[in-house]
All heavy atoms as atom14 arrays in JSON, in Angstrom:
{
  "sequence": "LSFIRRGKNPEDLIVAVINATPVTRGGYRWVCPTPA",
  "atom14_mask": [
    [1, 1, 1, 1, 1, 1, 1, 1, 0, 0, 0, 0, 0, 0],
    [1, 1, 1, 1, 1, 1, 0, 0, 0, 0, 0, 0, 0, 0],
    [1, 1, 1, 1, 1, 1, 1, 1, 1, 1, 1, 0, 0, 0],
    [1, 1, 1, 1, 1, 1, 1, 1, 0, 0, 0, 0, 0, 0],
    [1, 1, 1, 1, 1, 1, 1, 1, 1, 1, 1, 0, 0, 0],
    [1, 1, 1, 1, 1, 1, 1, 1, 1, 1, 1, 0, 0, 0],
    [1, 1, 1, 1, 0, 0, 0, 0, 0, 0, 0, 0, 0, 0],
    [1, 1, 1, 1, 1, 1, 1, 1, 1, 0, 0, 0, 0, 0],
    [1, 1, 1, 1, 1, 1, 1, 1, 0, 0, 0, 0, 0, 0],
    [1, 1, 1, 1, 1, 1, 1, 0, 0, 0, 0, 0, 0, 0],
    [1, 1, 1, 1, 1, 1, 1, 1, 1, 0, 0, 0, 0, 0],
    [1, 1, 1, 1, 1, 1, 1, 1, 0, 0, 0, 0, 0, 0],
    [1, 1, 1, 1, 1, 1, 1, 1, 0, 0, 0, 0, 0, 0],
    [1, 1, 1, 1, 1, 1, 1, 1, 0, 0, 0, 0, 0, 0],
    [1, 1, 1, 1, 1, 1, 1, 0, 0, 0, 0, 0, 0, 0],
    [1, 1, 1, 1, 1, 0, 0, 0, 0, 0, 0, 0, 0, 0],
    [1, 1, 1, 1, 1, 1, 1, 0, 0, 0, 0, 0, 0, 0],
    [1, 1, 1, 1, 1, 1, 1, 1, 0, 0, 0, 0, 0, 0],
    [1, 1, 1, 1, 1, 1, 1, 1, 0, 0, 0, 0, 0, 0],
    [1, 1, 1, 1, 1, 0, 0, 0, 0, 0, 0, 0, 0, 0],
    [1, 1, 1, 1, 1, 1, 1, 0, 0, 0, 0, 0, 0, 0],
    [1, 1, 1, 1, 1, 1, 1, 0, 0, 0, 0, 0, 0, 0],
    [1, 1, 1, 1, 1, 1, 1, 0, 0, 0, 0, 0, 0, 0],
    [1, 1, 1, 1, 1, 1, 1, 0, 0, 0, 0, 0, 0, 0],
    [1, 1, 1, 1, 1, 1, 1, 1, 1, 1, 1, 0, 0, 0],
    [1, 1, 1, 1, 0, 0, 0, 0, 0, 0, 0, 0, 0, 0],
    [1, 1, 1, 1, 0, 0, 0, 0, 0, 0, 0, 0, 0, 0],
    [1, 1, 1, 1, 1, 1, 1, 1, 1, 1, 1, 1, 0, 0],
    [1, 1, 1, 1, 1, 1, 1, 1, 1, 1, 1, 0, 0, 0],
    [1, 1, 1, 1, 1, 1, 1, 1, 1, 1, 1, 1, 1, 1],
    [1, 1, 1, 1, 1, 1, 1, 0, 0, 0, 0, 0, 0, 0],
    [1, 1, 1, 1, 1, 1, 0, 0, 0, 0, 0, 0, 0, 0],
    [1, 1, 1, 1, 1, 1, 1, 0, 0, 0, 0, 0, 0, 0],
    [1, 1, 1, 1, 1, 1, 1, 0, 0, 0, 0, 0, 0, 0],
    [1, 1, 1, 1, 1, 1, 1, 0, 0, 0, 0, 0, 0, 0],
    [1, 1, 1, 1, 1, 0, 0, 0, 0, 0, 0, 0, 0, 0]
  ],
  "atom14_positions": [
    [[-85.5, 7.79, 58.12], [-84.19, 8.43, 58.0], [-83.63, 8.11, 56.64], [-83.82, 7.01, 56.13], [-83.21, 7.89, 59.04], [-83.51, 8.12, 60.5], [-82.56, 7.29, 61.35], [-83.35, 9.59, 60.83], [0.0, 0.0, 0.0], [0.0, 0.0, 0.0], [0.0, 0.0, 0.0], [0.0, 0.0, 0.0], [0.0, 0.0, 0.0], [0.0, 0.0, 0.0]],
    [[-82.9, 9.05, 56.05], [-82.23, 8.77, 54.78], [-80.9, 9.5, 54.75], [-80.78, 10.62, 55.24], [-83.11, 9.19, 53.61], [-83.53, 10.52, 53.74], [0.0, 0.0, 0.0], [0.0, 0.0, 0.0], [0.0, 0.0, 0.0], [0.0, 0.0, 0.0], [0.0, 0.0, 0.0], [0.0, 0.0, 0.0], [0.0, 0.0, 0.0], [0.0, 0.0, 0.0]],
    [[-79.89, 8.79, 54.22], [-78.56, 9.37, 54.15], [-77.77, 8.7, 53.04], [-78.17, 7.68, 52.49], [-77.82, 9.27, 55.49], [-77.77, 7.89, 56.08], [-76.75, 7.0, 55.75], [-78.71, 7.48, 57.0], [-76.69, 5.74, 56.32], [-78.67, 6.22, 57.58], [-77.64, 5.35, 57.24], [0.0, 0.0, 0.0], [0.0, 0.0, 0.0], [0.0, 0.0, 0.0]],
    [[-76.64, 9.33, 52.71], [-75.74, 8.84, 51.68], [-74.44, 8.42, 52.33], [-73.92, 9.13, 53.2], [-75.44, 9.93, 50.63], [-76.73, 10.36, 49.93], [-74.4, 9.46, 49.61], [-76.57, 11.6, 49.06], [0.0, 0.0, 0.0], [0.0, 0.0, 0.0], [0.0, 0.0, 0.0], [0.0, 0.0, 0.0], [0.0, 0.0, 0.0], [0.0, 0.0, 0.0]],
    [[-73.91, 7.28, 51.92], [-72.56, 6.84, 52.31], [-71.71, 6.88, 51.05], [-72.14, 6.48, 49.98], [-72.6, 5.42, 52.87], [-73.29, 5.3, 54.2], [-72.55, 6.01, 55.34], [-71.15, 5.72, 55.38], [-70.61, 4.65, 55.95], [-71.37, 3.77, 56.55], [-69.3, 4.46, 55.92], [0.0, 0.0, 0.0], [0.0, 0.0, 0.0], [0.0, 0.0, 0.0]],
    [[-70.47, 7.37, 51.19], [-69.58, 7.53, 50.05], [-68.26, 6.81, 50.27], [-67.74, 6.77, 51.38], [-69.26, 9.0, 49.83], [-70.44, 9.87, 49.52], [-70.02, 11.32, 49.35], [-71.14, 12.23, 49.38], [-71.96, 12.45, 48.38], [-71.8, 11.81, 47.25], [-72.95, 13.31, 48.5], [0.0, 0.0, 0.0], [0.0, 0.0, 0.0], [0.0, 0.0, 0.0]],
    [[-67.73, 6.28, 49.16], [-66.38, 5.72, 49.16], [-65.4, 6.76, 48.68], [-65.75, 7.92, 48.45], [0.0, 0.0, 0.0], [0.0, 0.0, 0.0], [0.0, 0.0, 0.0], [0.0, 0.0, 0.0], [0.0, 0.0, 0.0], [0.0, 0.0, 0.0], [0.0, 0.0, 0.0], [0.0, 0.0, 0.0], [0.0, 0.0, 0.0], [0.0, 0.0, 0.0]],
    [[-64.14, 6.35, 48.48], [-63.11, 7.27, 47.99], [-63.4, 7.7, 46.56], [-63.18, 8.85, 46.2], [-61.74, 6.61, 48.06], [-61.26, 6.38, 49.47], [-59.94, 5.64, 49.49], [-59.51, 5.35, 50.91], [-58.3, 4.53, 50.96], [0.0, 0.0, 0.0], [0.0, 0.0, 0.0], [0.0, 0.0, 0.0], [0.0, 0.0, 0.0], [0.0, 0.0, 0.0]],
    [[-63.89, 6.79, 45.75], [-64.26, 7.09, 44.37], [-65.66, 7.73, 44.39], [-66.58, 7.17, 44.97], [-64.27, 5.8, 43.56], [-64.66, 5.99, 42.11], [-65.3, 6.97, 41.74], [-64.27, 5.03, 41.29], [0.0, 0.0, 0.0], [0.0, 0.0, 0.0], [0.0, 0.0, 0.0], [0.0, 0.0, 0.0], [0.0, 0.0, 0.0], [0.0, 0.0, 0.0]],
    [[-65.84, 8.88, 43.75], [-67.16, 9.53, 43.75], [-68.29, 8.66, 43.19], [-69.45, 8.87, 43.52], [-66.95, 10.76, 42.86], [-65.49, 10.99, 42.84], [-64.83, 9.67, 43.04], [0.0, 0.0, 0.0], [0.0, 0.0, 0.0], [0.0, 0.0, 0.0], [0.0, 0.0, 0.0], [0.0, 0.0, 0.0], [0.0, 0.0, 0.0], [0.0, 0.0, 0.0]],
    [[-67.94, 7.67, 42.37], [-68.95, 6.76, 41.82], [-69.45, 5.76, 42.87], [-70.49, 5.15, 42.69], [-68.37, 6.0, 40.63], [-67.97, 6.88, 39.47], [-69.16, 7.26, 38.6], [-70.04, 6.41, 38.4], [-69.19, 8.41, 38.14], [0.0, 0.0, 0.0], [0.0, 0.0, 0.0], [0.0, 0.0, 0.0], [0.0, 0.0, 0.0], [0.0, 0.0, 0.0]],
    [[-68.68, 5.57, 43.94], [-69.05, 4.61, 44.98], [-69.9, 5.3, 46.04], [-69.37, 6.02, 46.9], [-67.8, 4.01, 45.64], [-67.02, 3.11, 44.72], [-67.66, 2.49, 43.84], [-65.8, 3.01, 44.87], [0.0, 0.0, 0.0], [0.0, 0.0, 0.0], [0.0, 0.0, 0.0], [0.0, 0.0, 0.0], [0.0, 0.0, 0.0], [0.0, 0.0, 0.0]],
    [[-71.19, 5.12, 45.94], [-72.07, 5.65, 46.97], [-73.28, 4.75, 47.14], [-73.65, 3.99, 46.25], [-72.47, 7.09, 46.69], [-73.3, 7.42, 45.45], [-74.78, 7.27, 45.72], [-73.01, 8.86, 45.07], [0.0, 0.0, 0.0], [0.0, 0.0, 0.0], [0.0, 0.0, 0.0], [0.0, 0.0, 0.0], [0.0, 0.0, 0.0], [0.0, 0.0, 0.0]],
    [[-73.82, 4.83, 48.31], [-75.03, 4.08, 48.66], [-76.01, 5.04, 49.32], [-75.62, 5.85, 50.17], [-74.7, 2.92, 49.62], [-73.94, 1.83, 48.86], [-75.96, 2.36, 50.26], [-73.59, 0.64, 49.7], [0.0, 0.0, 0.0], [0.0, 0.0, 0.0], [0.0, 0.0, 0.0], [0.0, 0.0, 0.0], [0.0, 0.0, 0.0], [0.0, 0.0, 0.0]],
    [[-77.25, 4.97, 48.92], [-78.32, 5.72, 49.56], [-79.03, 4.76, 50.5], [-79.51, 3.71, 50.08], [-79.3, 6.3, 48.52], [-80.48, 6.96, 49.22], [-78.59, 7.28, 47.6], [0.0, 0.0, 0.0], [0.0, 0.0, 0.0], [0.0, 0.0, 0.0], [0.0, 0.0, 0.0], [0.0, 0.0, 0.0], [0.0, 0.0, 0.0], [0.0, 0.0, 0.0]],
    [[-79.07, 5.12, 51.78], [-79.75, 4.3, 52.78], [-81.05, 5.0, 53.18], [-81.04, 6.19, 53.49], [-78.86, 4.11, 54.0], [0.0, 0.0, 0.0], [0.0, 0.0, 0.0], [0.0, 0.0, 0.0], [0.0, 0.0, 0.0], [0.0, 0.0, 0.0], [0.0, 0.0, 0.0], [0.0, 0.0, 0.0], [0.0, 0.0, 0.0], [0.0, 0.0, 0.0]],
    [[-82.14, 4.27, 53.13], [-83.43, 4.78, 53.57], [-83.94, 3.81, 54.62], [-84.14, 2.62, 54.35], [-84.43, 4.88, 52.39], [-85.77, 5.42, 52.89], [-83.87, 5.76, 51.29], [0.0, 0.0, 0.0], [0.0, 0.0, 0.0], [0.0, 0.0, 0.0], [0.0, 0.0, 0.0], [0.0, 0.0, 0.0], [0.0, 0.0, 0.0], [0.0, 0.0, 0.0]],
    [[-84.15, 4.31, 55.82], [-84.54, 3.5, 56.97], [-85.95, 3.88, 57.39], [-86.2, 5.02, 57.77], [-83.58, 3.73, 58.16], [-82.12, 3.61, 57.75], [-83.94, 2.83, 59.33], [-81.61, 2.26, 57.46], [0.0, 0.0, 0.0], [0.0, 0.0, 0.0], [0.0, 0.0, 0.0], [0.0, 0.0, 0.0], [0.0, 0.0, 0.0], [0.0, 0.0, 0.0]],
    [[-86.87, 2.92, 57.3], [-88.23, 3.1, 57.79], [-88.31, 2.36, 59.12], [-88.29, 1.13, 59.16], [-89.24, 2.54, 56.79], [-90.66, 2.58, 57.31], [-90.94, 3.13, 58.37], [-91.57, 1.98, 56.57], [0.0, 0.0, 0.0], [0.0, 0.0, 0.0], [0.0, 0.0, 0.0], [0.0, 0.0, 0.0], [0.0, 0.0, 0.0], [0.0, 0.0, 0.0]],
    [[-88.41, 3.08, 60.22], [-88.38, 2.48, 61.55], [-89.77, 2.13, 62.07], [-90.01, 2.11, 63.27], [-87.66, 3.41, 62.52], [0.0, 0.0, 0.0], [0.0, 0.0, 0.0], [0.0, 0.0, 0.0], [0.0, 0.0, 0.0], [0.0, 0.0, 0.0], [0.0, 0.0, 0.0], [0.0, 0.0, 0.0], [0.0, 0.0, 0.0], [0.0, 0.0, 0.0]],
    [[-90.7, 1.86, 61.17], [-92.05, 1.46, 61.57], [-92.45, 0.23, 60.76], [-91.87, -0.05, 59.72], [-93.09, 2.56, 61.3], [-93.29, 2.67, 59.89], [-92.64, 3.9, 61.85], [0.0, 0.0, 0.0], [0.0, 0.0, 0.0], [0.0, 0.0, 0.0], [0.0, 0.0, 0.0], [0.0, 0.0, 0.0], [0.0, 0.0, 0.0], [0.0, 0.0, 0.0]],
    [[-93.48, -0.47, 61.18], [-93.99, -1.59, 60.38], [-94.96, -1.12, 59.29], [-95.55, -1.93, 58.58], [-94.7, -2.46, 61.41], [-95.12, -1.52, 62.48], [-94.07, -0.44, 62.51], [0.0, 0.0, 0.0], [0.0, 0.0, 0.0], [0.0, 0.0, 0.0], [0.0, 0.0, 0.0], [0.0, 0.0, 0.0], [0.0, 0.0, 0.0], [0.0, 0.0, 0.0]],
    [[-95.12, 0.19, 59.15], [-96.06, 0.76, 58.19], [-95.33, 1.07, 56.89], [-94.27, 1.7, 56.9], [-96.69, 2.05, 58.76], [-97.63, 2.7, 57.76], [-97.4, 1.77, 60.08], [0.0, 0.0, 0.0], [0.0, 0.0, 0.0], [0.0, 0.0, 0.0], [0.0, 0.0, 0.0], [0.0, 0.0, 0.0], [0.0, 0.0, 0.0], [0.0, 0.0, 0.0]],
    [[-95.9, 0.64, 55.77], [-95.32, 0.96, 54.48], [-95.43, 2.46, 54.22], [-96.48, 3.05, 54.43], [-96.04, 0.19, 53.35], [-95.93, -1.21, 53.62], [-95.44, 0.5, 52.0], [0.0, 0.0, 0.0], [0.0, 0.0, 0.0], [0.0, 0.0, 0.0], [0.0, 0.0, 0.0], [0.0, 0.0, 0.0], [0.0, 0.0, 0.0], [0.0, 0.0, 0.0]],
    [[-94.34, 3.05, 53.81], [-94.3, 4.49, 53.52], [-94.13, 4.66, 52.02], [-93.36, 3.95, 51.39], [-93.14, 5.18, 54.24], [-93.14, 5.0, 55.74], [-94.25, 5.78, 56.37], [-94.13, 5.69, 57.83], [-95.13, 5.9, 58.64], [-96.3, 6.22, 58.18], [-94.96, 5.81, 59.93], [0.0, 0.0, 0.0], [0.0, 0.0, 0.0], [0.0, 0.0, 0.0]],
    [[-94.82, 5.62, 51.44], [-94.7, 5.87, 50.01], [-94.65, 7.35, 49.74], [-94.8, 8.19, 50.63], [0.0, 0.0, 0.0], [0.0, 0.0, 0.0], [0.0, 0.0, 0.0], [0.0, 0.0, 0.0], [0.0, 0.0, 0.0], [0.0, 0.0, 0.0], [0.0, 0.0, 0.0], [0.0, 0.0, 0.0], [0.0, 0.0, 0.0], [0.0, 0.0, 0.0]],
    [[-94.43, 7.68, 48.49], [-94.44, 9.07, 48.07], [-93.15, 9.82, 48.3], [-93.11, 11.04, 48.16], [0.0, 0.0, 0.0], [0.0, 0.0, 0.0], [0.0, 0.0, 0.0], [0.0, 0.0, 0.0], [0.0, 0.0, 0.0], [0.0, 0.0, 0.0], [0.0, 0.0, 0.0], [0.0, 0.0, 0.0], [0.0, 0.0, 0.0], [0.0, 0.0, 0.0]],
    [[-92.1, 9.11, 48.67], [-90.82, 9.77, 48.88], [-90.09, 9.9, 47.56], [-90.15, 9.02, 46.71], [-89.94, 8.96, 49.85], [-90.37, 9.1, 51.28], [-91.29, 8.23, 51.83], [-89.85, 10.1, 52.08], [-91.69, 8.35, 53.15], [-90.24, 10.24, 53.4], [-91.16, 9.36, 53.93], [-91.55, 9.48, 55.23], [0.0, 0.0, 0.0], [0.0, 0.0, 0.0]],
    [[-89.39, 11.01, 47.41], [-88.55, 11.24, 46.23], [-87.21, 11.78, 46.71], [-87.18, 12.68, 47.54], [-89.19, 12.23, 45.28], [-90.46, 11.67, 44.64], [-90.98, 12.62, 43.65], [-89.94, 12.74, 42.61], [-90.16, 13.08, 41.37], [-91.37, 13.36, 40.99], [-89.19, 13.15, 40.51], [0.0, 0.0, 0.0], [0.0, 0.0, 0.0], [0.0, 0.0, 0.0]],
    [[-86.13, 11.21, 46.18], [-84.8, 11.68, 46.5], [-84.05, 11.93, 45.21], [-84.23, 11.23, 44.23], [-84.01, 10.64, 47.31], [-84.5, 10.48, 48.68], [-84.19, 11.26, 49.76], [-85.42, 9.49, 49.17], [-84.85, 10.81, 50.88], [-85.6, 9.72, 50.54], [-86.09, 8.43, 48.58], [-86.42, 8.94, 51.33], [-86.91, 7.66, 49.37], [-87.07, 7.92, 50.72]],
    [[-83.21, 12.92, 45.24], [-82.32, 13.2, 44.11], [-80.97, 12.59, 44.46], [-80.37, 12.97, 45.47], [-82.19, 14.71, 43.85], [-81.19, 14.98, 42.74], [-83.54, 15.31, 43.53], [0.0, 0.0, 0.0], [0.0, 0.0, 0.0], [0.0, 0.0, 0.0], [0.0, 0.0, 0.0], [0.0, 0.0, 0.0], [0.0, 0.0, 0.0], [0.0, 0.0, 0.0]],
    [[-80.54, 11.64, 43.65], [-79.25, 11.01, 43.88], [-78.16, 11.83, 43.21], [-78.37, 12.39, 42.13], [-79.24, 9.59, 43.33], [-80.35, 8.5, 44.24], [0.0, 0.0, 0.0], [0.0, 0.0, 0.0], [0.0, 0.0, 0.0], [0.0, 0.0, 0.0], [0.0, 0.0, 0.0], [0.0, 0.0, 0.0], [0.0, 0.0, 0.0], [0.0, 0.0, 0.0]],
    [[-76.97, 11.9, 43.81], [-75.91, 12.74, 43.28], [-75.42, 12.36, 41.88], [-74.98, 13.21, 41.14], [-74.77, 12.56, 44.29], [-75.43, 12.09, 45.52], [-76.64, 11.33, 45.1], [0.0, 0.0, 0.0], [0.0, 0.0, 0.0], [0.0, 0.0, 0.0], [0.0, 0.0, 0.0], [0.0, 0.0, 0.0], [0.0, 0.0, 0.0], [0.0, 0.0, 0.0]],
    [[-75.49, 11.07, 41.49], [-75.06, 10.66, 40.15], [-76.06, 9.66, 39.6], [-76.62, 8.86, 40.34], [-73.67, 10.0, 40.16], [-73.74, 8.79, 40.92], [-72.63, 10.91, 40.75], [0.0, 0.0, 0.0], [0.0, 0.0, 0.0], [0.0, 0.0, 0.0], [0.0, 0.0, 0.0], [0.0, 0.0, 0.0], [0.0, 0.0, 0.0], [0.0, 0.0, 0.0]],
    [[-76.29, 9.65, 38.29], [-77.21, 8.68, 37.71], [-76.77, 7.24, 37.95], [-77.59, 6.36, 38.12], [-77.2, 9.0, 36.22], [-76.66, 10.38, 36.12], [-75.79, 10.59, 37.3], [0.0, 0.0, 0.0], [0.0, 0.0, 0.0], [0.0, 0.0, 0.0], [0.0, 0.0, 0.0], [0.0, 0.0, 0.0], [0.0, 0.0, 0.0], [0.0, 0.0, 0.0]],
    [[-75.46, 6.99, 37.99], [-74.96, 5.63, 38.2], [-75.37, 5.08, 39.56], [-75.48, 3.87, 39.74], [-73.45, 5.6, 38.05], [0.0, 0.0, 0.0], [0.0, 0.0, 0.0], [0.0, 0.0, 0.0], [0.0, 0.0, 0.0], [0.0, 0.0, 0.0], [0.0, 0.0, 0.0], [0.0, 0.0, 0.0], [0.0, 0.0, 0.0], [0.0, 0.0, 0.0]]
  ]
}
């Protein structure tokens, strides 16, 4: 699962990526809303 959490300031955000297995996952790419 992957999602974004945002604060009141647009610069305040966190990207959460949840791997619910014991298996390492690779090859994922996400575009983040801001470079910061």
